[in-house]
């Protein structure tokens, strides 16, 4: 298909960046404009549908598998076979697309790199555009560089040793304010997908791979249908064969957990698998059932392990669904960041990572995520022990799994309660993450864990839920009610502790007060913000 000229109404509202003309070409912008004109209105309708669904949950405090799609669930169908480059996904590493991470992730020994423009990347215009440029440079093998501060050189290994890239665009709820067509901002998802696909689809085919994507924050099969229509349009537009695109959908919302089969069906010719995303999933439960009463109150986030009954129901249903339909089932994140100073901390953490990956491999997952290259060998050993020379275990159909609708939302089946220490931790992590995000960092090491935006979402959501549910903690042998004043007190103490920890100069140079204020706003406002990143984006510089 011939590319139309870029719209005279196209506006790039940002300071020029080095080499941006290689990404923001007229032809690439024309493609993004066509995506915007053809699909943004449907995106808008689906966001309205999300609000309607949430209102329905508020009325009923329940969810069920959809009756209108029963035929799909009962049907005999499978997704398209995996391409060779995506058939073995036993370990996947995640991270943003800065230059150093791009090289380290590709060289990590993982089978797949989730190149992240979403929760692990604060959407400054520099991150959006230069992240695209780094991926182009990687595919062209011109990304080698020397770090000016450390003097260390970074270079790609041989092509056969590099991870396969699966790129994650932003979720549907975010706009890209720096790029406008026809008088309105383009959805960030279309900017990220459009620029990447336009520049790299043929490049990747030439390398024996293809344009592969992770789809975040999906809430319904109709959102998957929208993505499928975008893929069909995009492949025709640039002239690559239909089915070249492959997409793995993150089942990280509670509503999507009830529509897994339908989501795979909508993406059938482009589907690669589903992934179990823990923190966003818990955030979605709080968001949707926030007024459902005591039985939906989550305990401290670290008490909600993947062995909790309602989380087991979710992950086992995901494996069964994927394998029934010929798709990959990808497990959750090992977020530990190894300490260079404390071998004992590493020993304990590595044992936990191994146990988690052993469980996933034993449950039938075909692969799993890690956040740091040092964890790749641990996760690899867990999956090697089960898979051997096989690329996956899709032949394990898990027909022993039976999940009733109520099992997925049986939050009160978990024998744990919120604690005061959990409130303190939520405030600490929330402030520290938001501060870094406002400076343009999306993947942040906090207390030996690699945190992303999902961390801040569950932190602020739990503070909000505990206060609004009137949770009473046991603290120093006495009852202590969760209140807005208590959250403010904890936040004030944390801000003072950070100031003492890093010193006055570094404190003044950061965005600590701003982060403190934003965390309290989204944690204490009566009107619960759908996503923390929406008000945060208004404060993001660049």
Protein backbone atom coordinates (compact mmCIF):
# COMPACT_ATOMS: atom_id res chain seq x y z
CA UNK A 1 0.00 0.00 0.00
CA UNK A 2 1.44 3.41 -0.86
CA UNK A 3 1.93 5.70 2.10
CA UNK A 4 -0.04 8.95 2.11
CA UNK A 5 1.71 12.22 2.77
CA UNK A 6 1.84 13.24 6.44
CA UNK A 7 -1.06 15.32 7.59
CA UNK A 8 -0.50 19.09 7.56
CA UNK A 9 -2.14 18.96 10.99
CA UNK A 10 0.63 16.73 12.41
CA UNK A 11 2.30 18.47 15.33
CA UNK A 12 5.41 17.29 17.19
CA UNK A 13 5.39 19.45 20.30
CA UNK A 14 8.79 18.80 21.88
CA UNK A 15 12.37 20.00 21.89
CA UNK A 16 14.39 18.33 19.10
CA UNK A 17 16.35 15.23 20.09
CA UNK A 18 19.59 13.86 18.60
CA UNK A 19 18.85 11.74 15.50
CA UNK A 20 15.08 12.04 15.98
CA UNK A 21 14.71 12.47 12.22
CA UNK A 22 15.64 8.78 11.86
CA UNK A 23 12.55 7.82 13.88
CA UNK A 24 10.10 10.63 13.10
CA UNK A 25 10.28 10.32 9.33
CA UNK A 26 7.45 11.65 7.19
CA UNK A 27 6.51 8.13 6.17
CA UNK A 28 6.49 6.83 9.77
CA UNK A 29 4.39 9.77 10.96
CA UNK A 30 1.98 9.20 8.08
CA UNK A 31 1.55 5.60 9.24
CA UNK A 32 0.91 6.67 12.84
CA UNK A 33 -1.61 9.23 11.55
CA UNK A 34 -3.49 6.46 9.70
CA UNK A 35 -3.54 4.30 12.81
CA UNK A 36 -4.89 7.27 14.77
CA UNK A 37 -7.64 8.06 12.26
CA UNK A 38 -8.72 4.45 11.90
CA UNK A 39 -8.58 3.21 15.48
CA UNK A 40 -8.55 5.96 18.13
CA UNK A 41 -12.33 6.36 18.14
CA UNK A 42 -12.71 2.65 18.89
CA UNK A 43 -10.11 2.96 21.63
CA UNK A 44 -12.22 5.76 23.15
CA UNK A 45 -15.34 3.58 23.06
CA UNK A 46 -13.52 0.75 24.79
CA UNK A 47 -12.34 3.07 27.58
CA UNK A 48 -15.98 4.05 28.12
CA UNK A 49 -16.88 0.37 28.18
CA UNK A 50 -14.27 -0.15 30.91
CA UNK A 51 -16.01 2.45 33.07
CA UNK A 52 -19.38 0.79 32.46
CA UNK A 53 -17.97 -2.60 33.45
CA UNK A 54 -16.48 -1.17 36.61
CA UNK A 55 -19.86 0.40 37.52
CA UNK A 56 -21.49 -3.00 37.04
CA UNK A 57 -18.95 -4.63 39.37
CA UNK A 58 -19.60 -1.91 41.94
CA UNK A 59 -23.30 -2.84 41.85
CA UNK A 60 -22.88 -6.62 41.95
CA UNK A 61 -19.50 -7.29 43.66
CA UNK A 62 -19.02 -10.29 41.37
CA UNK A 63 -17.72 -11.44 38.00
CA UNK A 64 -18.47 -14.45 35.82
CA UNK A 65 -17.43 -16.01 32.54
CA UNK A 66 -19.35 -14.29 29.76
CA UNK A 67 -22.49 -16.13 28.60
CA UNK A 68 -22.46 -14.51 25.16
CA UNK A 69 -19.07 -16.10 24.35
CA UNK A 70 -19.84 -19.62 25.60
CA UNK A 71 -19.59 -20.96 22.03
CA UNK A 72 -16.01 -19.75 21.74
CA UNK A 73 -15.04 -21.46 24.99
CA UNK A 74 -16.74 -24.68 23.84
CA UNK A 75 -15.31 -24.55 20.31
CA UNK A 76 -12.51 -26.64 18.83
CA UNK A 77 -9.89 -24.16 17.67
CA UNK A 78 -6.22 -23.28 18.19
CA UNK A 79 -4.05 -20.22 17.69
CA UNK A 80 -1.51 -20.12 14.87
CA UNK A 81 1.66 -22.18 15.48
CA UNK A 82 4.51 -20.25 17.08
CA UNK A 83 7.25 -19.01 14.75
CA UNK A 84 10.66 -20.59 15.36
CA UNK A 85 12.02 -17.48 17.10
CA UNK A 86 9.23 -17.63 19.70
CA UNK A 87 8.88 -21.36 20.19
CA UNK A 88 11.29 -21.59 23.14
CA UNK A 89 10.57 -18.87 25.70
CA UNK A 90 11.77 -20.58 28.87
CA UNK A 91 13.35 -17.43 30.31
CA UNK A 92 12.42 -13.85 29.45
CA UNK A 93 14.16 -10.75 30.79
CA UNK A 94 12.32 -7.43 31.09
CA UNK A 95 13.47 -3.84 31.05
CA UNK A 96 13.38 -0.41 29.43
CA UNK A 97 14.98 0.40 26.09
CA UNK A 98 17.83 2.67 27.15
CA UNK A 99 21.09 1.96 25.37
CA UNK A 100 22.85 0.05 28.16
CA UNK A 101 19.81 -2.09 28.99
CA UNK A 102 19.25 -2.89 25.33
CA UNK A 103 22.71 -4.42 25.02
CA UNK A 104 22.66 -6.15 28.42
CA UNK A 105 19.20 -7.65 27.86
CA UNK A 106 20.00 -8.90 24.37
CA UNK A 107 23.25 -10.42 25.70
CA UNK A 108 21.70 -11.80 28.92
CA UNK A 109 21.30 -15.42 27.84
CA UNK A 110 17.51 -15.15 28.13
CA UNK A 111 15.49 -16.48 25.22
CA UNK A 112 13.34 -13.31 25.04
CA UNK A 113 13.73 -9.67 26.00
CA UNK A 114 10.56 -7.74 26.82
CA UNK A 115 11.65 -4.35 25.48
CA UNK A 116 9.44 -2.10 27.55
CA UNK A 117 7.84 1.21 26.60
CA UNK A 118 5.20 0.69 29.30
CA UNK A 119 5.51 0.21 33.07
CA UNK A 120 9.33 0.02 33.13
CA UNK A 121 9.67 3.27 31.17
CA UNK A 122 8.55 6.74 32.21
CA UNK A 123 7.08 8.18 28.98
CA UNK A 124 9.28 11.24 28.52
CA UNK A 125 9.58 12.14 24.85
CA UNK A 126 13.29 11.30 25.06
CA UNK A 127 12.51 7.78 26.31
CA UNK A 128 9.82 7.31 23.66
CA UNK A 129 11.92 8.42 20.68
CA UNK A 130 15.42 7.35 21.70
CA UNK A 131 14.09 3.99 22.88
CA UNK A 132 12.87 3.40 19.32
CA UNK A 133 16.23 4.51 17.97
CA UNK A 134 18.10 2.10 20.27
CA UNK A 135 16.09 -0.84 18.95
CA UNK A 136 16.73 0.18 15.33
CA UNK A 137 20.44 0.50 16.15
CA UNK A 138 20.43 -2.92 17.82
CA UNK A 139 18.91 -4.58 14.75
CA UNK A 140 21.45 -2.78 12.56
CA UNK A 141 24.27 -3.75 15.01
CA UNK A 142 25.43 -0.19 15.54
CA UNK A 143 24.59 0.14 19.22
CA UNK A 144 28.04 -0.48 20.76
CA UNK A 145 29.08 2.28 23.12
CA UNK A 146 31.33 3.21 26.05
CA UNK A 147 29.80 4.54 29.25
CA UNK A 148 31.23 8.03 29.82
CA UNK A 149 31.09 7.70 33.63
CA UNK A 150 32.49 4.19 34.13
CA UNK A 151 34.57 3.84 30.98
CA UNK A 152 33.03 0.39 30.46
CA UNK A 153 32.37 -0.71 26.89
CA UNK A 154 29.18 -2.46 25.78
CA UNK A 155 28.84 -4.50 22.58
CA UNK A 156 26.41 -7.09 21.21
CA UNK A 157 27.28 -10.77 21.09
CA UNK A 158 26.91 -12.81 17.91
CA UNK A 159 23.39 -12.79 16.45
CA UNK A 160 22.69 -16.40 17.43
CA UNK A 161 23.29 -15.59 21.11
CA UNK A 162 20.89 -12.64 21.31
CA UNK A 163 17.46 -12.70 22.94
CA UNK A 164 14.40 -12.37 20.70
CA UNK A 165 12.72 -8.99 21.23
CA UNK A 166 9.08 -8.78 22.26
CA UNK A 167 8.18 -5.10 22.47
CA UNK A 168 5.58 -3.76 24.92
CA UNK A 169 3.78 -0.52 23.96
CA UNK A 170 1.90 1.62 26.45
CA UNK A 171 -1.59 0.71 27.65
CA UNK A 172 -4.72 2.07 25.98
CA UNK A 173 -5.41 4.65 28.71
CA UNK A 174 -2.34 6.83 28.05
CA UNK A 175 -2.08 9.65 25.51
CA UNK A 176 1.13 10.93 23.90
CA UNK A 177 0.95 14.68 24.38
CA UNK A 178 4.02 15.36 22.23
CA UNK A 179 2.43 14.03 19.05
CA UNK A 180 -0.92 15.30 17.74
CA UNK A 181 -2.89 14.67 14.59
CA UNK A 182 -6.15 16.34 13.63
CA UNK A 183 -6.03 18.45 16.77
CA UNK A 184 -5.75 15.74 19.43
CA UNK A 185 -3.01 13.66 21.05
CA UNK A 186 -2.37 10.19 19.68
CA UNK A 187 -2.81 7.27 22.08
CA UNK A 188 0.61 6.27 23.38
CA UNK A 189 -0.03 2.66 22.36
CA UNK A 190 -0.40 3.67 18.70
CA UNK A 191 2.73 5.83 18.81
CA UNK A 192 4.85 3.06 20.32
CA UNK A 193 3.45 0.30 18.14
CA UNK A 194 3.34 2.41 15.00
CA UNK A 195 6.90 3.71 15.06
CA UNK A 196 8.32 0.31 16.00
CA UNK A 197 6.33 -1.67 13.46
CA UNK A 198 6.90 0.76 10.60
CA UNK A 199 10.68 0.85 11.05
CA UNK A 200 11.34 -2.74 12.08
CA UNK A 201 8.80 -5.19 10.64
CA UNK A 202 10.83 -5.91 7.50
CA UNK A 203 14.15 -5.60 9.35
CA UNK A 204 13.05 -8.31 11.77
CA UNK A 205 11.75 -10.59 9.01
CA UNK A 206 15.15 -10.24 7.31
CA UNK A 207 16.79 -11.34 10.59
CA UNK A 208 14.63 -14.47 10.72
CA UNK A 209 12.35 -13.08 13.40
CA UNK A 210 9.35 -10.76 13.31
CA UNK A 211 7.49 -7.90 14.98
CA UNK A 212 6.44 -9.46 18.28
CA UNK A 213 4.49 -7.62 20.98
CA UNK A 214 3.34 -7.83 24.58
CA UNK A 215 -0.08 -6.23 25.05
CA UNK A 216 -0.55 -4.65 28.50
CA UNK A 217 -3.55 -3.73 30.66
CA UNK A 218 -6.05 -5.56 28.43
CA UNK A 219 -9.46 -5.70 30.09
CA UNK A 220 -11.66 -7.50 27.56
CA UNK A 221 -11.74 -9.58 24.41
CA UNK A 222 -13.03 -6.53 22.51
CA UNK A 223 -9.74 -4.77 23.28
CA UNK A 224 -7.92 -7.79 21.87
CA UNK A 225 -10.13 -7.54 18.77
CA UNK A 226 -9.05 -3.93 18.33
CA UNK A 227 -5.39 -4.94 18.47
CA UNK A 228 -6.03 -7.71 15.94
CA UNK A 229 -7.61 -5.25 13.53
CA UNK A 230 -4.63 -2.94 13.98
CA UNK A 231 -2.26 -5.82 13.16
CA UNK A 232 -4.20 -6.69 10.00
CA UNK A 233 -4.17 -3.06 8.88
CA UNK A 234 -0.49 -2.57 9.69
CA UNK A 235 0.68 -5.70 7.85
CA UNK A 236 -1.23 -4.67 4.73
CA UNK A 237 0.06 -1.10 4.99
CA UNK A 238 3.77 -2.00 5.00
CA UNK A 239 3.36 -5.06 2.77
CA UNK A 240 4.33 -7.94 5.01
CA UNK A 241 2.39 -11.23 5.14
CA UNK A 242 -0.64 -11.54 7.40
CA UNK A 243 0.29 -13.48 10.53
CA UNK A 244 3.78 -11.99 10.69
CA UNK A 245 2.85 -10.18 13.93
CA UNK A 246 2.68 -12.22 17.12
CA UNK A 247 1.21 -10.88 20.36
CA UNK A 248 1.37 -12.14 23.93
CA UNK A 249 -1.33 -10.67 26.15
CA UNK A 250 -0.67 -9.89 29.78
CA UNK A 251 -3.56 -11.21 31.87
CA UNK A 252 -2.98 -8.55 34.50
CA UNK A 253 -6.57 -7.38 35.04
CA UNK A 254 -9.24 -9.31 36.87
CA UNK A 255 -11.76 -8.83 34.06
CA UNK A 256 -9.36 -10.30 31.48
CA UNK A 257 -8.95 -13.38 33.68
CA UNK A 258 -12.57 -14.24 32.86
CA UNK A 259 -11.98 -13.80 29.11
CA UNK A 260 -8.70 -15.59 28.44
CA UNK A 261 -10.05 -17.94 25.80
CA UNK A 262 -11.92 -15.15 24.05
CA UNK A 263 -8.78 -12.98 24.01
CA UNK A 264 -6.79 -15.75 22.34
CA UNK A 265 -9.64 -16.35 19.89
CA UNK A 266 -9.77 -12.69 18.82
CA UNK A 267 -6.02 -12.69 18.17
CA UNK A 268 -6.03 -16.22 16.78
CA UNK A 269 -3.73 -15.76 13.76
CA UNK A 270 -1.52 -13.35 15.70
CA UNK A 271 -1.62 -14.87 19.20
CA UNK A 272 1.56 -16.14 20.84
CA UNK A 273 0.44 -16.65 24.43
CA UNK A 274 -0.68 -15.20 27.73
CA UNK A 275 1.34 -13.97 30.71
CA UNK A 276 0.53 -13.86 34.42
CA UNK A 277 1.38 -10.37 35.72
CA UNK A 278 1.17 -10.24 39.51
CA UNK A 279 1.22 -6.64 40.74
CA UNK A 280 -1.07 -5.17 38.10
CA UNK A 281 -3.44 -8.08 38.65
CA UNK A 282 -3.72 -7.30 42.37
CA UNK A 283 -4.07 -3.60 41.56
CA UNK A 284 -6.94 -4.46 39.22
CA UNK A 285 -8.69 -6.49 41.93
CA UNK A 286 -8.51 -3.56 44.35
CA UNK A 287 -9.61 -1.09 41.67
CA UNK A 288 -12.62 -3.10 40.58
CA UNK A 289 -13.76 -4.39 43.97
CA UNK A 290 -12.74 -1.39 46.07
CA UNK A 291 -16.26 -0.90 47.40
CA UNK A 292 -17.01 -4.62 47.78
CA UNK A 293 -16.50 -4.76 51.54
CA UNK A 294 -14.17 -6.58 53.89
CA UNK A 295 -13.96 -9.82 51.89
CA UNK A 296 -12.12 -8.03 49.08
CA UNK A 297 -9.50 -6.32 51.29
CA UNK A 298 -6.03 -7.50 50.31
CA UNK A 299 -3.33 -7.99 52.94
CA UNK A 300 0.22 -6.64 52.55
CA UNK A 301 1.38 -7.11 48.97
CA UNK A 302 4.27 -9.37 49.98
CA UNK A 303 1.80 -11.66 51.78
CA UNK A 304 -0.04 -12.30 48.51
CA UNK A 305 2.21 -14.94 47.03
CA UNK A 306 1.47 -16.93 43.91
CA UNK A 307 0.47 -19.85 46.16
CA UNK A 308 -2.53 -17.92 47.55
CA UNK A 309 -5.67 -19.90 46.54
CA UNK A 310 -7.13 -17.18 44.29
CA UNK A 311 -3.75 -16.64 42.63
CA UNK A 312 -3.33 -20.38 42.08
CA UNK A 313 -6.75 -20.44 40.43
CA UNK A 314 -5.69 -17.60 38.11
CA UNK A 315 -2.32 -19.08 37.10
CA UNK A 316 -3.53 -22.64 36.68
CA UNK A 317 -6.49 -21.51 34.58
CA UNK A 318 -4.05 -19.51 32.45
CA UNK A 319 -1.85 -22.56 31.80
CA UNK A 320 -4.82 -24.77 30.99
CA UNK A 321 -6.34 -22.15 28.67
CA UNK A 322 -3.09 -21.53 26.79
CA UNK A 323 -2.24 -25.18 26.26
CA UNK A 324 -5.79 -26.09 25.25
CA UNK A 325 -5.46 -23.50 22.48
CA UNK A 326 -1.84 -24.14 21.48
CA UNK A 327 -0.44 -20.94 23.01
CA UNK A 328 2.50 -20.30 25.34
CA UNK A 329 1.85 -19.74 29.05
CA UNK A 330 4.42 -17.35 30.51
CA UNK A 331 4.85 -17.00 34.25
CA UNK A 332 5.45 -14.02 36.52
CA UNK A 333 8.34 -11.80 37.48
CA UNK A 334 11.33 -12.55 39.68
CA UNK A 335 12.09 -8.95 40.63
CA UNK A 336 15.08 -9.48 42.96
CA UNK A 337 18.16 -7.38 42.27
CA UNK A 338 21.31 -9.11 43.54
CA UNK A 339 23.37 -7.24 46.12
CA UNK A 340 27.06 -6.69 45.38
CA UNK A 341 27.72 -6.38 49.13
CA UNK A 342 25.56 -8.92 50.96
CA UNK A 343 26.03 -12.56 49.96
CA UNK A 344 23.56 -13.76 52.59
CA UNK A 345 20.76 -11.58 51.17
CA UNK A 346 21.50 -13.06 47.76
CA UNK A 347 21.52 -16.63 49.05
CA UNK A 348 18.07 -16.30 50.64
CA UNK A 349 16.63 -14.46 47.63
CA UNK A 350 18.07 -16.89 45.09
CA UNK A 351 16.47 -19.78 46.98
CA UNK A 352 13.09 -18.01 46.80
CA UNK A 353 13.53 -17.31 43.08
CA UNK A 354 14.42 -20.96 42.46
CA UNK A 355 11.37 -22.17 44.41
CA UNK A 356 9.13 -19.80 42.45
CA UNK A 357 10.49 -20.86 39.07
CA UNK A 358 10.44 -24.55 40.04
CA UNK A 359 6.75 -24.15 40.90
CA UNK A 360 5.96 -22.43 37.59
CA UNK A 361 7.82 -25.03 35.54
CA UNK A 362 6.10 -27.79 37.51
CA UNK A 363 2.68 -26.21 36.96
CA UNK A 364 3.13 -26.31 33.20
CA UNK A 365 4.30 -22.80 32.33
CA UNK A 366 6.47 -22.61 29.22
CA UNK A 367 8.64 -19.80 30.52
CA UNK A 368 8.92 -17.04 33.05
CA UNK A 369 10.24 -13.52 33.67
CA UNK A 370 13.29 -12.17 35.47
CA UNK A 371 14.35 -8.57 36.02
CA UNK A 372 18.14 -9.02 36.22
CA UNK A 373 20.69 -10.97 34.14
CA UNK A 374 22.03 -12.74 37.27
CA UNK A 375 18.64 -14.46 37.64
CA UNK A 376 18.64 -15.87 34.10
CA UNK A 377 20.70 -18.99 35.01
CA UNK A 378 18.48 -19.73 38.03
CA UNK A 379 15.26 -19.55 36.03
CA UNK A 380 16.87 -21.39 33.12
CA UNK A 381 17.85 -24.30 35.39
CA UNK A 382 14.29 -24.61 36.70
CA UNK A 383 12.82 -24.83 33.21
CA UNK A 384 15.65 -26.94 31.79
CA UNK A 385 14.95 -29.53 34.50
CA UNK A 386 11.36 -29.91 33.26
CA UNK A 387 11.72 -29.21 29.54
CA UNK A 388 15.05 -30.81 28.72
CA UNK A 389 15.52 -30.44 24.96
CA UNK A 390 11.84 -29.65 24.34
CA UNK A 391 11.11 -25.97 23.49
CA UNK A 392 7.95 -25.84 25.63
CA UNK A 393 5.41 -28.05 27.39
CA UNK A 394 2.25 -27.16 25.53
CA UNK A 395 1.45 -30.86 25.44
CA UNK A 396 0.67 -30.64 29.19
CA UNK A 397 -3.02 -29.82 28.87
CA UNK A 398 -3.71 -29.53 32.62
CA UNK A 399 -7.17 -31.04 32.22
CA UNK A 400 -7.05 -31.67 35.97
CA UNK A 401 -7.61 -27.93 36.52
CA UNK A 402 -11.16 -26.79 37.21
CA UNK A 403 -11.76 -23.16 38.18
CA UNK A 404 -15.17 -21.83 39.17
CA UNK A 405 -15.95 -18.11 38.67
CA UNK A 406 -15.83 -17.42 42.40
CA UNK A 407 -12.39 -18.99 42.79
CA UNK A 408 -10.72 -16.07 40.98
CA UNK A 409 -12.08 -13.49 43.43
CA UNK A 410 -11.95 -15.52 46.65
CA UNK A 411 -9.67 -12.96 48.27
CA UNK A 412 -10.82 -13.96 51.74
CA UNK A 413 -9.43 -17.47 51.18
CA UNK A 414 -6.00 -16.04 52.02
CA UNK A 415 -5.11 -16.30 55.71
CA UNK A 416 -3.37 -12.95 56.09
CA UNK A 417 -4.29 -9.45 57.24
CA UNK A 418 -3.07 -5.96 56.46
CA UNK A 419 -0.37 -4.73 58.86
CA UNK A 420 0.97 -1.37 59.93
CA UNK A 421 4.35 -2.45 58.54
CA UNK A 422 2.62 -3.07 55.22
CA UNK A 423 1.29 0.50 55.26
CA UNK A 424 4.78 1.86 55.96
CA UNK A 425 6.22 -0.24 53.14
CA UNK A 426 3.54 0.93 50.70
CA UNK A 427 4.34 4.56 51.51
CA UNK A 428 8.11 4.02 51.31
CA UNK A 429 8.04 2.24 47.99
CA UNK A 430 5.37 4.55 46.58
CA UNK A 431 7.30 7.74 47.28
CA UNK A 432 10.64 6.35 46.13
CA UNK A 433 9.23 4.96 42.89
CA UNK A 434 7.16 8.02 41.97
CA UNK A 435 10.13 10.31 42.60
CA UNK A 436 12.26 8.34 40.14
CA UNK A 437 9.40 8.15 37.61
CA UNK A 438 9.00 11.93 37.68
CA UNK A 439 12.71 12.15 36.79
CA UNK A 440 12.15 9.90 33.78
CA UNK A 441 13.08 6.49 35.25
CA UNK A 442 10.53 3.69 34.98
CA UNK A 443 12.53 0.69 36.25
CA UNK A 444 13.86 1.45 39.73
CA UNK A 445 15.81 -0.69 42.20
CA UNK A 446 14.20 -0.21 45.65
CA UNK A 447 15.18 -2.36 48.63
CA UNK A 448 16.80 -4.99 46.35
CA UNK A 449 13.74 -5.31 44.10
CA UNK A 450 13.31 -3.98 40.57
CA UNK A 451 10.08 -2.00 40.75
CA UNK A 452 7.98 -0.54 37.95
CA UNK A 453 4.73 1.43 37.72
CA UNK A 454 2.65 -1.60 38.75
CA UNK A 455 4.42 -1.46 42.14
CA UNK A 456 3.31 2.10 42.74
CA UNK A 457 -0.22 1.22 41.62
CA UNK A 458 -0.63 -1.60 44.13
CA UNK A 459 1.02 0.52 46.87
CA UNK A 460 -1.33 3.47 46.51
CA UNK A 461 -4.32 1.19 45.92
CA UNK A 462 -3.73 -0.68 49.15
CA UNK A 463 -3.40 2.55 51.13
CA UNK A 464 -6.68 3.74 49.58
CA UNK A 465 -8.46 0.45 50.20
CA UNK A 466 -7.32 0.03 53.79
CA UNK A 467 -8.40 3.54 54.72
CA UNK A 468 -11.77 3.30 52.98
CA UNK A 469 -12.44 -0.16 54.44
CA UNK A 470 -11.61 1.06 57.95
CA UNK A 471 -8.90 -1.58 58.45
CA UNK A 472 -7.59 -1.86 62.01
CA UNK A 473 -3.94 -2.88 62.43
CA UNK A 474 -2.33 -4.49 65.45
CA UNK A 475 0.55 -2.15 66.34
CA UNK A 476 2.63 -2.22 69.52
CA UNK A 477 0.00 -4.41 71.11
CA UNK A 478 -2.81 -1.95 70.42
CA UNK A 479 -5.41 -1.52 67.67
CA UNK A 480 -4.57 1.24 65.17
CA UNK A 481 -7.08 2.27 62.52
CA UNK A 482 -5.97 3.06 58.98
CA UNK A 483 -6.88 6.70 58.39
CA UNK A 484 -5.86 9.51 56.08
CA UNK A 485 -4.10 11.21 59.00
CA UNK A 486 -2.09 8.05 59.73
CA UNK A 487 -1.03 7.83 56.06
CA UNK A 488 0.02 11.48 56.14
CA UNK A 489 2.05 10.89 59.31
CA UNK A 490 3.82 7.88 57.82
CA UNK A 491 4.52 9.79 54.60
CA UNK A 492 5.92 12.77 56.52
CA UNK A 493 8.21 10.48 58.50
CA UNK A 494 9.38 8.74 55.33
CA UNK A 495 10.16 12.06 53.65
CA UNK A 496 12.26 13.08 56.66
CA UNK A 497 14.03 9.72 56.63
CA UNK A 498 14.88 10.08 52.94
CA UNK A 499 16.23 13.59 53.53
CA UNK A 500 18.47 12.26 56.31
CA UNK A 501 19.54 9.27 54.22
CA UNK A 502 20.60 11.07 51.04
CA UNK A 503 21.55 14.51 52.35
CA UNK A 504 20.12 17.96 51.81
CA UNK A 505 21.74 18.60 48.44
CA UNK A 506 20.54 15.39 46.82
CA UNK A 507 17.11 15.83 48.40
CA UNK A 508 16.78 19.32 46.94
CA UNK A 509 17.91 18.10 43.51
CA UNK A 510 15.23 15.38 43.42
CA UNK A 511 11.45 15.46 43.21
CA UNK A 512 10.77 14.11 46.68
CA UNK A 513 8.14 16.57 47.89
CA UNK A 514 6.33 16.30 44.58
CA UNK A 515 6.34 12.50 44.82
CA UNK A 516 5.12 12.63 48.43
CA UNK A 517 2.27 14.93 47.49
CA UNK A 518 1.23 12.87 44.47
CA UNK A 519 1.24 9.60 46.40
CA UNK A 520 -1.00 11.11 49.07
CA UNK A 521 -3.32 12.61 46.47
CA UNK A 522 -3.97 9.32 44.65
CA UNK A 523 -4.08 7.38 47.93
CA UNK A 524 -6.45 9.70 49.80
CA UNK A 525 -8.73 11.31 47.21
CA UNK A 526 -12.34 10.14 47.51
CA UNK A 527 -12.42 9.74 43.71
CA UNK A 528 -10.11 6.85 42.98
CA UNK A 529 -7.89 7.62 39.96
CA UNK A 530 -8.08 4.85 37.37
CA UNK A 531 -4.31 4.96 36.89
CA UNK A 532 -1.64 6.73 38.92
CA UNK A 533 0.25 7.45 35.69
CA UNK A 534 -2.54 9.73 34.44
CA UNK A 535 -2.02 12.51 37.05
CA UNK A 536 1.69 11.69 37.17
CA UNK A 537 2.04 12.26 33.41
CA UNK A 538 0.77 15.81 33.87
CA UNK A 539 3.77 16.42 36.14
CA UNK A 540 6.35 14.57 34.04
CA UNK A 541 8.89 16.95 32.54
CA UNK A 542 10.10 16.17 29.04
